């Protein structure tokens, strides 16, 4: 009987920790989404200060699109059932043109 109670306690502890980890992950991902939203005004400010005559220009549209893709991926992960991995289009990554 003692072993059964110990096993039951162990299983209950593991499921509590797994739930806490999943909740912590959701909170962390929500924070990342919030931070990505906070980048938008900075992006607009940098774009307004860009030198339009520069030989090499930074592609703000590409960066904005990549940020949107990242946010969408996080939101889809948070709202989707945890059944199987998904694939996403690659980020542009190179913002100089």
PDB file of N, CA and C in Angstrom:
ATOM      1  N   UNK A   1       0.826  -1.193   0.000  1.00  0.00           N
ATOM      2  CA  UNK A   1       0.000   0.000   0.000  1.00  0.00           C
ATOM      3  C   UNK A   1       0.871   1.258   0.000  1.00  0.00           C
ATOM      4  N   UNK A   2       1.965   1.204   0.768  1.00  0.00           N
ATOM      5  CA  UNK A   2       2.867   2.356   0.862  1.00  0.00           C
ATOM      6  C   UNK A   2       3.446   2.696  -0.515  1.00  0.00           C
ATOM      7  N   UNK A   3       3.807   1.670  -1.297  1.00  0.00           N
ATOM      8  CA  UNK A   3       4.385   1.887  -2.616  1.00  0.00           C
ATOM      9  C   UNK A   3       3.368   2.464  -3.598  1.00  0.00           C
ATOM     10  N   UNK A   4       2.124   2.028  -3.463  1.00  0.00           N
ATOM     11  CA  UNK A   4       1.080   2.552  -4.336  1.00  0.00           C
ATOM     12  C   UNK A   4       0.852   4.036  -4.077  1.00  0.00           C
ATOM     13  N   UNK A   5       0.842   4.434  -2.820  1.00  0.00           N
ATOM     14  CA  UNK A   5       0.655   5.849  -2.484  1.00  0.00           C
ATOM     15  C   UNK A   5       1.832   6.686  -2.951  1.00  0.00           C
ATOM     16  N   UNK A   6       3.033   6.137  -2.809  1.00  0.00           N
ATOM     17  CA  UNK A   6       4.231   6.848  -3.263  1.00  0.00           C
ATOM     18  C   UNK A   6       4.180   7.020  -4.780  1.00  0.00           C
ATOM     19  N   UNK A   7       3.799   5.978  -5.484  1.00  0.00           N
ATOM     20  CA  UNK A   7       3.689   6.062  -6.948  1.00  0.00           C
ATOM     21  C   UNK A   7       2.628   7.046  -7.375  1.00  0.00           C
ATOM     22  N   UNK A   8       1.507   7.033  -6.686  1.00  0.00           N
ATOM     23  CA  UNK A   8       0.425   7.968  -6.995  1.00  0.00           C
ATOM     24  C   UNK A   8       0.875   9.409  -6.760  1.00  0.00           C
ATOM     25  N   UNK A   9       1.555   9.645  -5.668  1.00  0.00           N
ATOM     26  CA  UNK A   9       2.065  10.981  -5.367  1.00  0.00           C
ATOM     27  C   UNK A   9       3.061  11.434  -6.441  1.00  0.00           C
ATOM     28  N   UNK A  10       3.933  10.510  -6.855  1.00  0.00           N
ATOM     29  CA  UNK A  10       4.906  10.828  -7.896  1.00  0.00           C
ATOM     30  C   UNK A  10       4.214  11.213  -9.206  1.00  0.00           C
ATOM     31  N   UNK A  11       3.226  10.444  -9.608  1.00  0.00           N
ATOM     32  CA  UNK A  11       2.498  10.740 -10.855  1.00  0.00           C
ATOM     33  C   UNK A  11       1.777  12.080 -10.776  1.00  0.00           C
ATOM     34  N   UNK A  12       1.198  12.375  -9.630  1.00  0.00           N
ATOM     35  CA  UNK A  12       0.510  13.658  -9.471  1.00  0.00           C
ATOM     36  C   UNK A  12       1.500  14.811  -9.532  1.00  0.00           C
ATOM     37  N   UNK A  13       2.683  14.632  -8.978  1.00  0.00           N
ATOM     38  CA  UNK A  13       3.707  15.670  -8.998  1.00  0.00           C
ATOM     39  C   UNK A  13       4.200  15.922 -10.412  1.00  0.00           C
ATOM     40  N   UNK A  14       4.424  14.853 -11.164  1.00  0.00           N
ATOM     41  CA  UNK A  14       4.907  14.987 -12.537  1.00  0.00           C
ATOM     42  C   UNK A  14       3.881  15.732 -13.387  1.00  0.00           C
ATOM     43  N   UNK A  15       2.617  15.397 -13.264  1.00  0.00           N
ATOM     44  CA  UNK A  15       1.604  16.065 -14.082  1.00  0.00           C
ATOM     45  C   UNK A  15       1.473  17.532 -13.685  1.00  0.00           C
ATOM     46  N   UNK A  16       1.651  17.856 -12.413  1.00  0.00           N
ATOM     47  CA  UNK A  16       1.608  19.255 -11.981  1.00  0.00           C
ATOM     48  C   UNK A  16       2.771  20.028 -12.562  1.00  0.00           C
ATOM     49  N   UNK A  17       3.977  19.430 -12.526  1.00  0.00           N
ATOM     50  CA  UNK A  17       5.143  20.102 -13.080  1.00  0.00           C
ATOM     51  C   UNK A  17       5.007  20.287 -14.589  1.00  0.00           C
ATOM     52  N   UNK A  18       4.493  19.296 -15.289  1.00  0.00           N
ATOM     53  CA  UNK A  18       4.315  19.404 -16.739  1.00  0.00           C
ATOM     54  C   UNK A  18       3.336  20.517 -17.065  1.00  0.00           C
ATOM     55  N   UNK A  19       2.278  20.619 -16.292  1.00  0.00           N
ATOM     56  CA  UNK A  19       1.305  21.680 -16.509  1.00  0.00           C
ATOM     57  C   UNK A  19       1.916  23.037 -16.224  1.00  0.00           C
ATOM     58  N   UNK A  20       2.706  23.128 -15.161  1.00  0.00           N
ATOM     59  CA  UNK A  20       3.358  24.393 -14.817  1.00  0.00           C
ATOM     60  C   UNK A  20       4.345  24.801 -15.905  1.00  0.00           C
ATOM     61  N   UNK A  21       5.087  23.827 -16.461  1.00  0.00           N
ATOM     62  CA  UNK A  21       6.026  24.134 -17.532  1.00  0.00           C
ATOM     63  C   UNK A  21       5.298  24.648 -18.767  1.00  0.00           C
ATOM     64  N   UNK A  22       4.192  24.027 -19.110  1.00  0.00           N
ATOM     65  CA  UNK A  22       3.424  24.450 -20.280  1.00  0.00           C
ATOM     66  C   UNK A  22       2.869  25.852 -20.060  1.00  0.00           C
ATOM     67  N   UNK A  23       2.392  26.123 -18.856  1.00  0.00           N
ATOM     68  CA  UNK A  23       1.883  27.466 -18.556  1.00  0.00           C
ATOM     69  C   UNK A  23       3.002  28.490 -18.600  1.00  0.00           C
ATOM     70  N   UNK A  24       4.157  28.138 -18.066  1.00  0.00           N
ATOM     71  CA  UNK A  24       5.303  29.054 -18.083  1.00  0.00           C
ATOM     72  C   UNK A  24       5.736  29.337 -19.520  1.00  0.00           C
ATOM     73  N   UNK A  25       5.703  28.314 -20.354  1.00  0.00           N
ATOM     74  CA  UNK A  25       6.063  28.510 -21.763  1.00  0.00           C
ATOM     75  C   UNK A  25       5.071  29.456 -22.436  1.00  0.00           C
ATOM     76  N   UNK A  26       3.792  29.272 -22.169  1.00  0.00           N
ATOM     77  CA  UNK A  26       2.764  30.128 -22.773  1.00  0.00           C
ATOM     78  C   UNK A  26       2.956  31.575 -22.342  1.00  0.00           C
ATOM     79  N   UNK A  27       3.271  31.792 -21.077  1.00  0.00           N
ATOM     80  CA  UNK A  27       3.502  33.149 -20.577  1.00  0.00           C
ATOM     81  C   UNK A  27       4.734  33.750 -21.255  1.00  0.00           C
ATOM     82  N   UNK A  28       5.797  32.973 -21.372  1.00  0.00           N
ATOM     83  CA  UNK A  28       7.021  33.469 -22.010  1.00  0.00           C
ATOM     84  C   UNK A  28       6.772  33.809 -23.477  1.00  0.00           C
ATOM     85  N   UNK A  29       6.030  32.963 -24.181  1.00  0.00           N
ATOM     86  CA  UNK A  29       5.736  33.241 -25.588  1.00  0.00           C
ATOM     87  C   UNK A  29       4.837  34.468 -25.734  1.00  0.00           C
ATOM     88  N   UNK A  30       3.909  34.650 -24.818  1.00  0.00           N
ATOM     89  CA  UNK A  30       3.065  35.847 -24.844  1.00  0.00           C
ATOM     90  C   UNK A  30       3.912  37.095 -24.621  1.00  0.00           C
ATOM     91  N   UNK A  31       4.910  37.001 -23.754  1.00  0.00           N
ATOM     92  CA  UNK A  31       5.818  38.134 -23.524  1.00  0.00           C
ATOM     93  C   UNK A  31       6.617  38.452 -24.798  1.00  0.00           C
ATOM     94  N   UNK A  32       7.064  37.413 -25.482  1.00  0.00           N
ATOM     95  CA  UNK A  32       7.807  37.627 -26.736  1.00  0.00           C
ATOM     96  C   UNK A  32       6.921  38.334 -27.749  1.00  0.00           C
ATOM     97  N   UNK A  33       5.678  37.911 -27.871  1.00  0.00           N
ATOM     98  CA  UNK A  33       4.742  38.559 -28.794  1.00  0.00           C
ATOM     99  C   UNK A  33       4.564  40.030 -28.420  1.00  0.00           C
ATOM    100  N   UNK A  34       4.448  40.295 -27.145  1.00  0.00           N
ATOM    101  CA  UNK A  34       4.313  41.678 -26.676  1.00  0.00           C
ATOM    102  C   UNK A  34       5.552  42.505 -27.047  1.00  0.00           C
ATOM    103  N   UNK A  35       6.726  41.933 -26.869  1.00  0.00           N
ATOM    104  CA  UNK A  35       7.961  42.636 -27.221  1.00  0.00           C
ATOM    105  C   UNK A  35       8.055  42.875 -28.732  1.00  0.00           C
ATOM    106  N   UNK A  36       7.616  41.917 -29.512  1.00  0.00           N
ATOM    107  CA  UNK A  36       7.616  42.104 -30.965  1.00  0.00           C
ATOM    108  C   UNK A  36       6.670  43.244 -31.361  1.00  0.00           C
ATOM    109  N   UNK A  37       5.534  43.347 -30.679  1.00  0.00           N
ATOM    110  CA  UNK A  37       4.620  44.466 -30.927  1.00  0.00           C
ATOM    111  C   UNK A  37       5.282  45.793 -30.588  1.00  0.00           C
ATOM    112  N   UNK A  38       6.099  45.795 -29.539  1.00  0.00           N
ATOM    113  CA  UNK A  38       6.776  47.022 -29.116  1.00  0.00           C
ATOM    114  C   UNK A  38       7.850  47.459 -30.115  1.00  0.00           C
ATOM    115  N   UNK A  39       8.278  46.564 -30.982  1.00  0.00           N
ATOM    116  CA  UNK A  39       9.269  46.916 -31.998  1.00  0.00           C
ATOM    117  C   UNK A  39       8.696  47.779 -33.117  1.00  0.00           C
ATOM    118  N   UNK A  40       7.411  47.707 -33.336  1.00  0.00           N
ATOM    119  CA  UNK A  40       6.798  48.409 -34.466  1.00  0.00           C
ATOM    120  C   UNK A  40       7.068  49.917 -34.452  1.00  0.00           C
ATOM    121  N   UNK A  41       6.872  50.621 -33.330  1.00  0.00           N
ATOM    122  CA  UNK A  41       7.179  52.058 -33.337  1.00  0.00           C
ATOM    123  C   UNK A  41       8.661  52.339 -33.601  1.00  0.00           C
ATOM    124  N   UNK A  42       9.541  51.479 -33.096  1.00  0.00           N
ATOM    125  CA  UNK A  42      10.970  51.657 -33.352  1.00  0.00           C
ATOM    126  C   UNK A  42      11.289  51.461 -34.822  1.00  0.00           C
ATOM    127  N   UNK A  43      10.641  50.498 -35.422  1.00  0.00           N
ATOM    128  CA  UNK A  43      10.829  50.236 -36.845  1.00  0.00           C
ATOM    129  C   UNK A  43      10.360  51.421 -37.684  1.00  0.00           C
ATOM    130  N   UNK A  44       9.214  51.986 -37.338  1.00  0.00           N
ATOM    131  CA  UNK A  44       8.696  53.153 -38.055  1.00  0.00           C
ATOM    132  C   UNK A  44       9.614  54.356 -37.889  1.00  0.00           C
ATOM    133  N   UNK A  45      10.155  54.536 -36.694  1.00  0.00           N
ATOM    134  CA  UNK A  45      11.077  55.648 -36.454  1.00  0.00           C
ATOM    135  C   UNK A  45      12.349  55.490 -37.273  1.00  0.00           C
ATOM    136  N   UNK A  46      12.906  54.300 -37.277  1.00  0.00           N
ATOM    137  CA  UNK A  46      14.125  54.057 -38.055  1.00  0.00           C
ATOM    138  C   UNK A  46      13.868  54.264 -39.538  1.00  0.00           C
ATOM    139  N   UNK A  47      12.720  53.807 -40.023  1.00  0.00           N
ATOM    140  CA  UNK A  47      12.389  53.981 -41.435  1.00  0.00           C
ATOM    141  C   UNK A  47      12.283  55.467 -41.788  1.00  0.00           C
ATOM    142  N   UNK A  48      11.706  56.259 -40.903  1.00  0.00           N
ATOM    143  CA  UNK A  48      11.545  57.691 -41.177  1.00  0.00           C
ATOM    144  C   UNK A  48      12.885  58.419 -41.193  1.00  0.00           C
ATOM    145  N   UNK A  49      13.888  57.847 -40.528  1.00  0.00           N
ATOM    146  CA  UNK A  49      15.193  58.494 -40.467  1.00  0.00           C
ATOM    147  C   UNK A  49      16.182  57.932 -41.485  1.00  0.00           C
ATOM    148  N   UNK A  50      15.741  57.012 -42.299  1.00  0.00           N
ATOM    149  CA  UNK A  50      16.633  56.373 -43.273  1.00  0.00           C
ATOM    150  C   UNK A  50      17.016  57.355 -44.370  1.00  0.00           C
ATOM    151  N   UNK A  51      18.232  57.206 -44.843  1.00  0.00           N
ATOM    152  CA  UNK A  51      18.739  58.028 -45.940  1.00  0.00           C
ATOM    153  C   UNK A  51      18.247  57.419 -47.255  1.00  0.00           C
ATOM    154  N   UNK A  52      17.369  58.121 -47.932  1.00  0.00           N
ATOM    155  CA  UNK A  52      16.802  57.583 -49.174  1.00  0.00           C
ATOM    156  C   UNK A  52      17.800  57.589 -50.327  1.00  0.00           C
ATOM    157  N   UNK A  53      18.901  58.331 -50.187  1.00  0.00           N
ATOM    158  CA  UNK A  53      19.918  58.395 -51.239  1.00  0.00           C
ATOM    159  C   UNK A  53      21.045  57.384 -51.033  1.00  0.00           C
ATOM    160  N   UNK A  54      20.972  56.587 -50.007  1.00  0.00           N
ATOM    161  CA  UNK A  54      22.048  55.632 -49.714  1.00  0.00           C
ATOM    162  C   UNK A  54      22.133  54.578 -50.815  1.00  0.00           C
ATOM    163  N   UNK A  55      23.368  54.171 -51.114  1.00  0.00           N
ATOM    164  CA  UNK A  55      23.591  53.162 -52.137  1.00  0.00           C
ATOM    165  C   UNK A  55      23.046  51.810 -51.687  1.00  0.00           C
ATOM    166  N   UNK A  56      23.229  51.499 -50.424  1.00  0.00           N
ATOM    167  CA  UNK A  56      22.690  50.261 -49.845  1.00  0.00           C
ATOM    168  C   UNK A  56      21.642  50.672 -48.823  1.00  0.00           C
ATOM    169  N   UNK A  57      20.437  50.147 -48.994  1.00  0.00           N
ATOM    170  CA  UNK A  57      19.356  50.533 -48.084  1.00  0.00           C
ATOM    171  C   UNK A  57      18.865  49.325 -47.288  1.00  0.00           C
ATOM    172  N   UNK A  58      18.392  49.607 -46.105  1.00  0.00           N
ATOM    173  CA  UNK A  58      17.837  48.578 -45.244  1.00  0.00           C
ATOM    174  C   UNK A  58      16.403  48.316 -45.676  1.00  0.00           C
ATOM    175  N   UNK A  59      16.026  47.065 -45.775  1.00  0.00           N
ATOM    176  CA  UNK A  59      14.695  46.685 -46.244  1.00  0.00           C
ATOM    177  C   UNK A  59      13.741  46.536 -45.048  1.00  0.00           C
ATOM    178  N   UNK A  60      13.144  47.646 -44.652  1.00  0.00           N
ATOM    179  CA  UNK A  60      12.228  47.660 -43.510  1.00  0.00           C
ATOM    180  C   UNK A  60      10.991  46.803 -43.768  1.00  0.00           C
ATOM    181  N   UNK A  61      10.544  46.752 -44.998  1.00  0.00           N
ATOM    182  CA  UNK A  61       9.378  45.916 -45.312  1.00  0.00           C
ATOM    183  C   UNK A  61       9.676  44.436 -45.054  1.00  0.00           C
ATOM    184  N   UNK A  62      10.870  44.010 -45.406  1.00  0.00           N
ATOM    185  CA  UNK A  62      11.252  42.614 -45.196  1.00  0.00           C
ATOM    186  C   UNK A  62      11.325  42.304 -43.699  1.00  0.00           C
ATOM    187  N   UNK A  63      11.917  43.210 -42.938  1.00  0.00           N
ATOM    188  CA  UNK A  63      12.009  43.015 -41.492  1.00  0.00           C
ATOM    189  C   UNK A  63      10.617  42.972 -40.876  1.00  0.00           C
ATOM    190  N   UNK A  64       9.762  43.876 -41.299  1.00  0.00           N
ATOM    191  CA  UNK A  64       8.398  43.914 -40.779  1.00  0.00           C
ATOM    192  C   UNK A  64       7.656  42.615 -41.098  1.00  0.00           C
ATOM    193  N   UNK A  65       7.847  42.108 -42.296  1.00  0.00           N
ATOM    194  CA  UNK A  65       7.222  40.842 -42.691  1.00  0.00           C
ATOM    195  C   UNK A  65       7.739  39.681 -41.836  1.00  0.00           C
ATOM    196  N   UNK A  66       9.047  39.644 -41.589  1.00  0.00           N
ATOM    197  CA  UNK A  66       9.604  38.574 -40.761  1.00  0.00           C
ATOM    198  C   UNK A  66       9.081  38.652 -39.327  1.00  0.00           C
ATOM    199  N   UNK A  67       8.975  39.858 -38.788  1.00  0.00           N
ATOM    200  CA  UNK A  67       8.422  40.022 -37.441  1.00  0.00           C
ATOM    201  C   UNK A  67       6.979  39.532 -37.412  1.00  0.00           C
ATOM    202  N   UNK A  68       6.220  39.865 -38.438  1.00  0.00           N
ATOM    203  CA  UNK A  68       4.831  39.392 -38.514  1.00  0.00           C
ATOM    204  C   UNK A  68       4.763  37.878 -38.585  1.00  0.00           C
ATOM    205  N   UNK A  69       5.670  37.261 -39.345  1.00  0.00           N
ATOM    206  CA  UNK A  69       5.697  35.799 -39.454  1.00  0.00           C
ATOM    207  C   UNK A  69       6.016  35.159 -38.104  1.00  0.00           C
ATOM    208  N   UNK A  70       6.959  35.750 -37.383  1.00  0.00           N
ATOM    209  CA  UNK A  70       7.321  35.213 -36.075  1.00  0.00           C
ATOM    210  C   UNK A  70       6.131  35.305 -35.126  1.00  0.00           C
ATOM    211  N   UNK A  71       5.483  36.474 -35.104  1.00  0.00           N
ATOM    212  CA  UNK A  71       4.317  36.649 -34.234  1.00  0.00           C
ATOM    213  C   UNK A  71       3.213  35.665 -34.596  1.00  0.00           C
ATOM    214  N   UNK A  72       2.953  35.494 -35.875  1.00  0.00           N
ATOM    215  CA  UNK A  72       1.919  34.562 -36.323  1.00  0.00           C
ATOM    216  C   UNK A  72       2.260  33.132 -35.909  1.00  0.00           C
ATOM    217  N   UNK A  73       3.507  32.760 -36.041  1.00  0.00           N
ATOM    218  CA  UNK A  73       3.928  31.413 -35.651  1.00  0.00           C
ATOM    219  C   UNK A  73       3.713  31.182 -34.160  1.00  0.00           C
ATOM    220  N   UNK A  74       4.045  32.185 -33.350  1.00  0.00           N
ATOM    221  CA  UNK A  74       3.837  32.059 -31.909  1.00  0.00           C
ATOM    222  C   UNK A  74       2.349  31.950 -31.605  1.00  0.00           C
ATOM    223  N   UNK A  75       1.551  32.806 -32.228  1.00  0.00           N
ATOM    224  CA  UNK A  75       0.108  32.776 -31.986  1.00  0.00           C
ATOM    225  C   UNK A  75      -0.502  31.450 -32.429  1.00  0.00           C
ATOM    226  N   UNK A  76      -0.057  30.926 -33.556  1.00  0.00           N
ATOM    227  CA  UNK A  76      -0.559  29.625 -34.018  1.00  0.00           C
ATOM    228  C   UNK A  76      -0.155  28.511 -33.056  1.00  0.00           C
ATOM    229  N   UNK A  77       1.061  28.608 -32.545  1.00  0.00           N
ATOM    230  CA  UNK A  77       1.511  27.594 -31.592  1.00  0.00           C
ATOM    231  C   UNK A  77       0.666  27.641 -30.319  1.00  0.00           C
ATOM    232  N   UNK A  78       0.371  28.836 -29.856  1.00  0.00           N
ATOM    233  CA  UNK A  78      -0.396  28.976 -28.628  1.00  0.00           C
ATOM    234  C   UNK A  78      -1.849  28.536 -28.791  1.00  0.00           C
ATOM    235  N   UNK A  79      -2.382  28.674 -29.987  1.00  0.00           N
ATOM    236  CA  UNK A  79      -3.791  28.339 -30.186  1.00  0.00           C
ATOM    237  C   UNK A  79      -4.019  26.953 -30.783  1.00  0.00           C
ATOM    238  N   UNK A  80      -2.988  26.316 -31.290  1.00  0.00           N
ATOM    239  CA  UNK A  80      -3.147  25.017 -31.959  1.00  0.00           C
ATOM    240  C   UNK A  80      -3.049  23.868 -30.954  1.00  0.00           C
ATOM    241  N   UNK A  81      -3.739  22.783 -31.266  1.00  0.00           N
ATOM    242  CA  UNK A  81      -3.574  21.587 -30.441  1.00  0.00           C
ATOM    243  C   UNK A  81      -2.160  21.041 -30.601  1.00  0.00           C
ATOM    244  N   UNK A  82      -1.678  20.385 -29.619  1.00  0.00           N
ATOM    245  CA  UNK A  82      -0.302  19.889 -29.617  1.00  0.00           C
ATOM    246  C   UNK A  82      -0.221  18.490 -30.238  1.00  0.00           C
ATOM    247  N   UNK A  83      -0.557  18.382 -31.512  1.00  0.00           N
ATOM    248  CA  UNK A  83      -0.590  17.062 -32.129  1.00  0.00           C
ATOM    249  C   UNK A  83       0.648  16.763 -32.956  1.00  0.00           C
ATOM    250  N   UNK A  84       1.082  17.694 -33.781  1.00  0.00           N
ATOM    251  CA  UNK A  84       2.223  17.410 -34.639  1.00  0.00           C
ATOM    252  C   UNK A  84       2.970  18.691 -34.967  1.00  0.00           C
ATOM    253  N   UNK A  85       4.252  18.580 -35.301  1.00  0.00           N
ATOM    254  CA  UNK A  85       5.035  19.763 -35.659  1.00  0.00           C
ATOM    255  C   UNK A  85       4.532  20.370 -36.968  1.00  0.00           C
ATOM    256  N   UNK A  86       4.734  21.667 -37.091  1.00  0.00           N
ATOM    257  CA  UNK A  86       4.334  22.364 -38.307  1.00  0.00           C
ATOM    258  C   UNK A  86       5.575  22.942 -38.971  1.00  0.00           C
ATOM    259  N   UNK A  87       5.474  23.237 -40.244  1.00  0.00           N
ATOM    260  CA  UNK A  87       6.584  23.879 -40.939  1.00  0.00           C
ATOM    261  C   UNK A  87       6.180  25.311 -41.269  1.00  0.00           C
ATOM    262  N   UNK A  88       7.165  26.180 -41.278  1.00  0.00           N
ATOM    263  CA  UNK A  88       6.937  27.592 -41.535  1.00  0.00           C
ATOM    264  C   UNK A  88       7.888  28.053 -42.628  1.00  0.00           C
ATOM    265  N   UNK A  89       7.495  29.091 -43.376  1.00  0.00           N
ATOM    266  CA  UNK A  89       8.403  29.599 -44.403  1.00  0.00           C
ATOM    267  C   UNK A  89       9.647  30.193 -43.748  1.00  0.00           C
ATOM    268  N   UNK A  90      10.789  30.104 -44.415  1.00  0.00           N
ATOM    269  CA  UNK A  90      12.025  30.637 -43.824  1.00  0.00           C
ATOM    270  C   UNK A  90      11.968  32.167 -43.733  1.00  0.00           C
ATOM    271  N   UNK A  91      12.696  32.697 -42.748  1.00  0.00           N
ATOM    272  CA  UNK A  91      12.807  34.145 -42.617  1.00  0.00           C
ATOM    273  C   UNK A  91      13.741  34.680 -43.687  1.00  0.00           C
ATOM    274  N   UNK A  92      13.553  35.919 -44.060  1.00  0.00           N
ATOM    275  CA  UNK A  92      14.413  36.554 -45.046  1.00  0.00           C
ATOM    276  C   UNK A  92      15.827  36.677 -44.493  1.00  0.00           C
ATOM    277  N   UNK A  93      15.946  37.272 -43.303  1.00  0.00           N
ATOM    278  CA  UNK A  93      17.229  37.323 -42.596  1.00  0.00           C
ATOM    279  C   UNK A  93      18.213  38.356 -43.087  1.00  0.00           C
ATOM    280  N   UNK A  94      18.293  38.624 -44.361  1.00  0.00           N
ATOM    281  CA  UNK A  94      19.236  39.602 -44.898  1.00  0.00           C
ATOM    282  C   UNK A  94      18.448  40.851 -45.246  1.00  0.00           C
ATOM    283  N   UNK A  95      18.669  41.905 -44.483  1.00  0.00           N
ATOM    284  CA  UNK A  95      17.848  43.111 -44.629  1.00  0.00           C
ATOM    285  C   UNK A  95      18.549  44.247 -45.374  1.00  0.00           C
ATOM    286  N   UNK A  96      19.668  43.964 -45.981  1.00  0.00           N
ATOM    287  CA  UNK A  96      20.374  44.979 -46.778  1.00  0.00           C
ATOM    288  C   UNK A  96      20.110  44.723 -48.238  1.00  0.00           C
ATOM    289  N   UNK A  97      19.940  45.776 -48.980  1.00  0.00           N
ATOM    290  CA  UNK A  97      19.662  45.610 -50.413  1.00  0.00           C
ATOM    291  C   UNK A  97      20.420  46.669 -51.186  1.00  0.00           C
TER     292      UNK A  97
END
